Structures are given as C-alpha cells and as structure tokens.
C-alpha cells in the first residue's frame, strides 16, 4: 500500500470512528453495521456526509448502497480519489 493510500485509509477510519464514537483502533476492514452497535442507518448517512467533507468526494446513491463495511468504504473512497 502506498503512503498516500495508507494516509487515505487512516483518514477514512478516523472519520468513521469519530462519527460512531468508537476508538479508531477498534475498526478493521471487516467492521460493519453487523459488528458495531452504533452503526445504524442514520449513522451510515452521517458517515457518508462526514467522508464527503473530510475527504472531499461526492458519493452516488449506488456507492452508498455498496458501503457495507469499512474495507468497502475505503475502496470506494480510493476509487473516487484516483
């Protein structure tokens, strides 16, 4: 993973952790609404909006539907930034 990619991953995880109110160290690529109690549909939209602000991307409705885990979110953000 390049330095830019790891910085982006760290930024995405920090944003998700802040929205959900969990320590960033508890997030893994497999973290999802099924593994984090605070991650409900309202918080999902909060994550989307926070990422649009912090990373400077716009998500399409199809992207939002695909955001089922931290690793999927990271992949979508990375694709948007490339």
Protein backbone atom coordinates (compact mmCIF):
# COMPACT_ATOMS: atom_id res chain seq x y z
CA UNK A 1 0.00 0.00 0.00
CA UNK A 2 1.41 3.38 -0.94
CA UNK A 3 1.85 6.14 1.62
CA UNK A 4 -1.00 8.10 0.03
CA UNK A 5 -3.28 5.06 0.23
CA UNK A 6 -2.40 4.41 3.87
CA UNK A 7 -2.98 8.09 4.71
CA UNK A 8 -6.36 7.92 2.99
CA UNK A 9 -7.22 4.71 4.85
CA UNK A 10 -6.27 6.36 8.16
CA UNK A 11 -8.39 9.41 7.32
CA UNK A 12 -11.39 7.25 6.39
CA UNK A 13 -11.10 5.16 9.57
CA UNK A 14 -10.65 8.25 11.76
CA UNK A 15 -13.77 9.81 10.24
CA UNK A 16 -15.84 6.63 10.71
CA UNK A 17 -14.60 6.23 14.30
CA UNK A 18 -15.46 9.84 15.11
CA UNK A 19 -19.00 9.54 13.71
CA UNK A 20 -19.65 6.25 15.50
CA UNK A 21 -17.98 7.32 18.74
CA UNK A 22 -15.63 4.33 18.84
CA UNK A 23 -11.82 4.19 19.15
CA UNK A 24 -10.21 4.09 15.70
CA UNK A 25 -8.10 1.13 16.86
CA UNK A 26 -11.27 -0.97 17.14
CA UNK A 27 -12.05 -0.58 13.43
CA UNK A 28 -10.91 -3.22 10.96
CA UNK A 29 -11.65 -3.72 7.30
CA UNK A 30 -14.38 -6.15 8.35
CA UNK A 31 -16.10 -3.67 10.69
CA UNK A 32 -19.68 -3.17 9.58
CA UNK A 33 -23.17 -2.39 10.89
CA UNK A 34 -23.32 -6.05 11.95
CA UNK A 35 -20.26 -5.69 14.20
CA UNK A 36 -20.72 -2.14 15.56
CA UNK A 37 -23.89 -1.45 17.54
CA UNK A 38 -23.76 2.31 16.94
CA UNK A 39 -23.68 1.85 13.13
CA UNK A 40 -27.32 2.14 12.12
CA UNK A 41 -28.94 3.68 9.03
CA UNK A 42 -28.84 7.20 10.46
CA UNK A 43 -25.17 6.86 11.42
CA UNK A 44 -24.46 5.40 7.97
CA UNK A 45 -25.68 8.62 6.36
CA UNK A 46 -23.65 10.61 8.89
CA UNK A 47 -20.55 8.63 7.86
CA UNK A 48 -21.28 9.37 4.19
CA UNK A 49 -21.68 13.10 4.82
CA UNK A 50 -18.62 13.26 7.10
CA UNK A 51 -16.49 11.50 4.48
CA UNK A 52 -17.69 13.83 1.75
CA UNK A 53 -16.50 16.73 3.92
CA UNK A 54 -13.23 15.26 5.23
CA UNK A 55 -12.03 13.54 2.05
CA UNK A 56 -13.58 15.89 -0.50
CA UNK A 57 -15.53 13.41 -2.60
CA UNK A 58 -19.17 13.08 -3.67
CA UNK A 59 -20.85 9.69 -3.42
CA UNK A 60 -23.54 8.43 -5.78
CA UNK A 61 -26.54 6.54 -4.35
CA UNK A 62 -25.04 3.33 -5.81
CA UNK A 63 -21.81 3.97 -3.87
CA UNK A 64 -23.73 4.47 -0.62
CA UNK A 65 -25.58 1.18 -1.16
CA UNK A 66 -22.24 -0.64 -1.58
CA UNK A 67 -20.79 0.74 1.67
CA UNK A 68 -21.36 -2.38 3.76
CA UNK A 69 -18.02 -2.48 5.62
CA UNK A 70 -15.00 -0.33 6.39
CA UNK A 71 -12.95 -2.03 3.65
CA UNK A 72 -15.69 -1.43 1.05
CA UNK A 73 -15.91 2.23 2.11
CA UNK A 74 -12.12 2.55 1.81
CA UNK A 75 -12.18 1.01 -1.68
CA UNK A 76 -14.94 3.37 -2.86
CA UNK A 77 -13.15 6.42 -1.44
CA UNK A 78 -9.85 5.32 -3.01
CA UNK A 79 -11.55 4.89 -6.40
CA UNK A 80 -13.12 8.36 -6.11
CA UNK A 81 -9.77 9.94 -5.23
CA UNK A 82 -7.80 8.30 -8.05
